[in-house]
C-alpha atoms as a PDB file:
ATOM      1  CA  MET A   1     -14.633  23.891   4.919  1.00  0.00           C
ATOM      2  CA  PRO A   2     -12.637  26.307   7.056  1.00  0.00           C
ATOM      3  CA  ARG A   3     -12.146  29.854   5.827  1.00  0.00           C
ATOM      4  CA  PHE A   4      -8.858  31.651   6.160  1.00  0.00           C
ATOM      5  CA  SER A   5      -8.412  35.388   6.008  1.00  0.00           C
ATOM      6  CA  ASN A   6      -4.680  35.057   6.513  1.00  0.00           C
ATOM      7  CA  SER A   7      -2.631  33.154   3.930  1.00  0.00           C
ATOM      8  CA  ARG A   8      -0.181  31.983   6.638  1.00  0.00           C
ATOM      9  CA  ASP A   9      -3.035  30.260   8.489  1.00  0.00           C
ATOM     10  CA  LEU A  10      -4.063  28.499   5.283  1.00  0.00           C
ATOM     11  CA  GLU A  11      -0.461  27.488   4.653  1.00  0.00           C
ATOM     12  CA  ARG A  12      -0.137  26.041   8.182  1.00  0.00           C
ATOM     13  CA  HIS A  13      -3.431  24.172   7.849  1.00  0.00           C
ATOM     14  CA  LEU A  14      -2.427  22.612   4.530  1.00  0.00           C
ATOM     15  CA  LYS A  15       1.053  21.751   5.850  1.00  0.00           C
ATOM     16  CA  LYS A  16      -0.499  19.905   8.805  1.00  0.00           C
ATOM     17  CA  ALA A  17      -2.786  18.040   6.414  1.00  0.00           C
ATOM     18  CA  LEU A  18       0.153  17.024   4.196  1.00  0.00           C
ATOM     19  CA  ASP A  19       2.150  15.902   7.235  1.00  0.00           C
ATOM     20  CA  ALA A  20      -0.803  13.835   8.421  1.00  0.00           C
ATOM     21  CA  LEU A  21      -1.249  12.306   4.969  1.00  0.00           C
ATOM     22  CA  GLN A  22       2.385  11.274   4.701  1.00  0.00           C
ATOM     23  CA  ALA A  23       2.377   9.844   8.231  1.00  0.00           C
ATOM     24  CA  GLU A  24      -0.825   7.890   7.610  1.00  0.00           C
ATOM     25  CA  VAL A  25       0.535   6.333   4.418  1.00  0.00           C
ATOM     26  CA  LEU A  26       3.857   5.437   6.041  1.00  0.00           C
ATOM     27  CA  ILE A  27       2.317   3.953   9.197  1.00  0.00           C
ATOM     28  CA  THR A  28      -0.359   2.002   7.323  1.00  0.00           C
ATOM     29  CA  THR A  29       2.099   0.651   4.748  1.00  0.00           C
ATOM     30  CA  GLN A  30       4.449  -0.530   7.513  1.00  0.00           C
ATOM     31  CA  ALA A  31       1.552  -2.159   9.351  1.00  0.00           C
ATOM     32  CA  LYS A  32       0.372  -3.975   6.223  1.00  0.00           C
ATOM     33  CA  LEU A  33       3.894  -5.178   5.376  1.00  0.00           C
ATOM     34  CA  GLY A  34       4.166  -6.416   8.951  1.00  0.00           C
ATOM     35  CA  SER A  35       1.034  -8.499   8.690  1.00  0.00           C
ATOM     36  CA  ALA A  36       1.102 -12.217   8.007  1.00  0.00           C
ATOM     37  CA  ALA A  37      -1.593 -11.620   5.399  1.00  0.00           C
ATOM     38  CA  VAL A  38       0.880  -9.653   3.248  1.00  0.00           C
ATOM     39  CA  SER A  39       4.478 -10.578   4.090  1.00  0.00           C
ATOM     40  CA  PRO A  40       5.605 -14.158   3.690  1.00  0.00           C
ATOM     41  CA  VAL A  41       6.020 -15.805   7.069  1.00  0.00           C
ATOM     42  CA  ASP A  42       8.368 -18.557   8.091  1.00  0.00           C
ATOM     43  CA  THR A  43       9.608 -17.533  11.537  1.00  0.00           C
ATOM     44  CA  GLY A  44       8.097 -14.026  11.514  1.00  0.00           C
ATOM     45  CA  ARG A  45      11.421 -12.202  11.416  1.00  0.00           C
ATOM     46  CA  PHE A  46      10.877 -10.925   7.878  1.00  0.00           C
ATOM     47  CA  ARG A  47       7.581  -9.233   8.719  1.00  0.00           C
ATOM     48  CA  SER A  48       9.348  -7.638  11.713  1.00  0.00           C
ATOM     49  CA  SER A  49      12.046  -6.223   9.451  1.00  0.00           C
ATOM     50  CA  TRP A  50      10.257  -3.238   7.895  1.00  0.00           C
ATOM     51  CA  PHE A  51      11.902  -0.140   9.383  1.00  0.00           C
ATOM     52  CA  ALA A  52      10.886   3.449   8.712  1.00  0.00           C
ATOM     53  CA  ALA A  53      13.524   6.169   8.563  1.00  0.00           C
ATOM     54  CA  GLU A  54      13.792   9.813   7.632  1.00  0.00           C
ATOM     55  CA  GLY A  55      16.276  10.904   4.975  1.00  0.00           C
ATOM     56  CA  SER A  56      17.858   7.579   4.098  1.00  0.00           C
ATOM     57  CA  ALA A  57      17.080   3.900   4.410  1.00  0.00           C
ATOM     58  CA  SER A  58      17.511   2.277   7.797  1.00  0.00           C
ATOM     59  CA  SER A  59      20.142  -0.420   8.145  1.00  0.00           C
ATOM     60  CA  GLU A  60      18.446  -1.877  11.225  1.00  0.00           C
ATOM     61  CA  VAL A  61      17.510  -5.536  11.308  1.00  0.00           C
ATOM     62  CA  PRO A  62      15.299  -7.250  13.839  1.00  0.00           C
ATOM     63  CA  PRO A  63      17.003  -9.639  16.240  1.00  0.00           C
ATOM     64  CA  GLU A  64      16.800 -13.382  15.723  1.00  0.00           C
ATOM     65  CA  GLY A  65      13.508 -14.626  17.089  1.00  0.00           C
ATOM     66  CA  ALA A  66      11.635 -11.378  16.409  1.00  0.00           C
ATOM     67  CA  ASP A  67       8.151 -12.250  15.270  1.00  0.00           C
ATOM     68  CA  SER A  68       5.966  -9.212  15.784  1.00  0.00           C
ATOM     69  CA  PRO A  69       5.550  -6.362  13.304  1.00  0.00           C
ATOM     70  CA  ASN A  70       7.742  -3.313  13.683  1.00  0.00           C
ATOM     71  CA  THR A  71       5.851  -0.103  14.466  1.00  0.00           C
ATOM     72  CA  ASP A  72       8.659   2.466  14.548  1.00  0.00           C
ATOM     73  CA  ALA A  73       6.866   4.615  11.921  1.00  0.00           C
ATOM     74  CA  THR A  74       4.337   5.608  14.579  1.00  0.00           C
ATOM     75  CA  GLY A  75       7.124   7.327  16.530  1.00  0.00           C
ATOM     76  CA  LEU A  76       8.365   9.487  13.671  1.00  0.00           C
ATOM     77  CA  ARG A  77       7.535  13.168  13.636  1.00  0.00           C
ATOM     78  CA  VAL A  78       6.651  13.285   9.963  1.00  0.00           C
ATOM     79  CA  ASP A  79       7.317  16.445   7.987  1.00  0.00           C
ATOM     80  CA  SER A  80       5.889  16.435   4.468  1.00  0.00           C
ATOM     81  CA  ARG A  81       8.913  18.371   3.199  1.00  0.00           C
ATOM     82  CA  LYS A  82      11.199  15.458   4.060  1.00  0.00           C
ATOM     83  CA  THR A  83      11.761  12.043   2.516  1.00  0.00           C
ATOM     84  CA  TYR A  84      11.004   8.794   4.325  1.00  0.00           C
ATOM     85  CA  HIS A  85      12.039   5.236   3.560  1.00  0.00           C
ATOM     86  CA  LEU A  86      10.431   1.962   4.522  1.00  0.00           C
ATOM     87  CA  THR A  87      12.945  -0.815   4.060  1.00  0.00           C
ATOM     88  CA  SER A  88      13.972  -4.282   5.142  1.00  0.00           C
ATOM     89  CA  SER A  89      17.721  -4.736   5.587  1.00  0.00           C
ATOM     90  CA  LEU A  90      17.656  -8.463   6.204  1.00  0.00           C
ATOM     91  CA  PRO A  91      20.265 -10.218   4.065  1.00  0.00           C
ATOM     92  CA  TYR A  92      17.535 -12.227   2.345  1.00  0.00           C
ATOM     93  CA  ALA A  93      14.985  -9.387   1.904  1.00  0.00           C
ATOM     94  CA  GLN A  94      15.721  -8.904  -1.799  1.00  0.00           C
ATOM     95  CA  SER A  95      15.424 -12.624  -2.410  1.00  0.00           C
ATOM     96  CA  VAL A  96      12.012 -12.685  -0.724  1.00  0.00           C
ATOM     97  CA  ALA A  97      10.564  -9.398  -1.974  1.00  0.00           C
ATOM     98  CA  ILE A  98      12.071  -8.900  -5.427  1.00  0.00           C
ATOM     99  CA  GLU A  99      13.000 -12.383  -6.548  1.00  0.00           C
ATOM    100  CA  GLY A 100       9.900 -14.025  -5.050  1.00  0.00           C
ATOM    101  CA  ASN A 101      11.715 -16.841  -3.258  1.00  0.00           C
ATOM    102  CA  VAL A 102       8.822 -17.645  -0.936  1.00  0.00           C
ATOM    103  CA  VAL A 103       6.453 -20.508  -0.264  1.00  0.00           C
ATOM    104  CA  SER A 104       3.765 -18.919   1.923  1.00  0.00           C
ATOM    105  CA  GLN A 105       2.749 -16.232  -0.612  1.00  0.00           C
ATOM    106  CA  PRO A 106       2.642 -15.969  -4.403  1.00  0.00           C
ATOM    107  CA  LYS A 107       6.020 -15.123  -5.947  1.00  0.00           C
ATOM    108  CA  THR A 108       4.640 -11.744  -7.041  1.00  0.00           C
ATOM    109  CA  TRP A 109       3.426 -10.759  -3.552  1.00  0.00           C
ATOM    110  CA  PHE A 110       5.661  -7.687  -3.261  1.00  0.00           C
ATOM    111  CA  THR A 111       5.036  -6.359  -6.775  1.00  0.00           C
ATOM    112  CA  SER A 112       1.300  -6.803  -6.239  1.00  0.00           C
ATOM    113  CA  PHE A 113       1.497  -5.030  -2.903  1.00  0.00           C
ATOM    114  CA  ARG A 114       3.464  -2.144  -4.415  1.00  0.00           C
ATOM    115  CA  ASN A 115       1.240  -1.782  -7.488  1.00  0.00           C
ATOM    116  CA  GLU A 116      -2.182  -2.504  -5.995  1.00  0.00           C
ATOM    117  CA  SER A 117      -2.184  -2.072  -2.219  1.00  0.00           C
ATOM    118  CA  ILE A 118      -0.091   1.063  -1.842  1.00  0.00           C
ATOM    119  CA  PRO A 119      -2.321   3.137  -4.171  1.00  0.00           C
ATOM    120  CA  ARG A 120      -5.344   1.977  -2.118  1.00  0.00           C
ATOM    121  CA  ILE A 121      -3.536   2.904   1.106  1.00  0.00           C
ATOM    122  CA  GLN A 122      -2.830   6.351  -0.355  1.00  0.00           C
ATOM    123  CA  GLN A 123      -6.442   6.842  -1.469  1.00  0.00           C
ATOM    124  CA  THR A 124      -7.818   5.804   1.919  1.00  0.00           C
ATOM    125  CA  ALA A 125      -5.352   8.034   3.750  1.00  0.00           C
ATOM    126  CA  ALA A 126      -6.318  10.954   1.516  1.00  0.00           C
ATOM    127  CA  LYS A 127     -10.006  10.450   2.360  1.00  0.00           C
ATOM    128  CA  VAL A 128      -9.244  10.291   6.095  1.00  0.00           C
ATOM    129  CA  VAL A 129      -7.083  13.428   6.007  1.00  0.00           C
ATOM    130  CA  LYS A 130      -9.562  15.280   3.807  1.00  0.00           C
ATOM    131  CA  GLN A 131     -12.290  14.630   6.354  1.00  0.00           C
ATOM    132  CA  GLU A 132     -10.076  15.301   9.384  1.00  0.00           C
ATOM    133  CA  PHE A 133      -8.885  18.646   8.002  1.00  0.00           C
ATOM    134  CA  ASP A 134     -12.204  19.559   6.419  1.00  0.00           C
ATOM    135  CA  LEU A 135     -10.699  19.942   2.955  1.00  0.00           C
END
């Protein structure tokens, strides 16, 4: 574990670790939601519709015919003091995610992902960051 004689150095080190943790969770969650193993797939547009944004939810939607996962979270400069949103603004997103109107996944796919997968993503990210930052 690193030793710090200056509290500002410790503060910077921990801030970088928190930033990395938040980025890892955001990027991994977007990637999982963009996978056919998690998101219901008909044409692929829905799994392309998960957009990451700082401060408030994105209103972006993928164009018709989009069928590959969105990776815009990887381009964000994540700051752990800020709030980030991962949302789908497709007109039918609520019907698919919340109401379970799907045929290629169980109706509870989104609730299960939120309650089971996201905590695992967070735990894995914490282990990675802990090792990377020698915490």
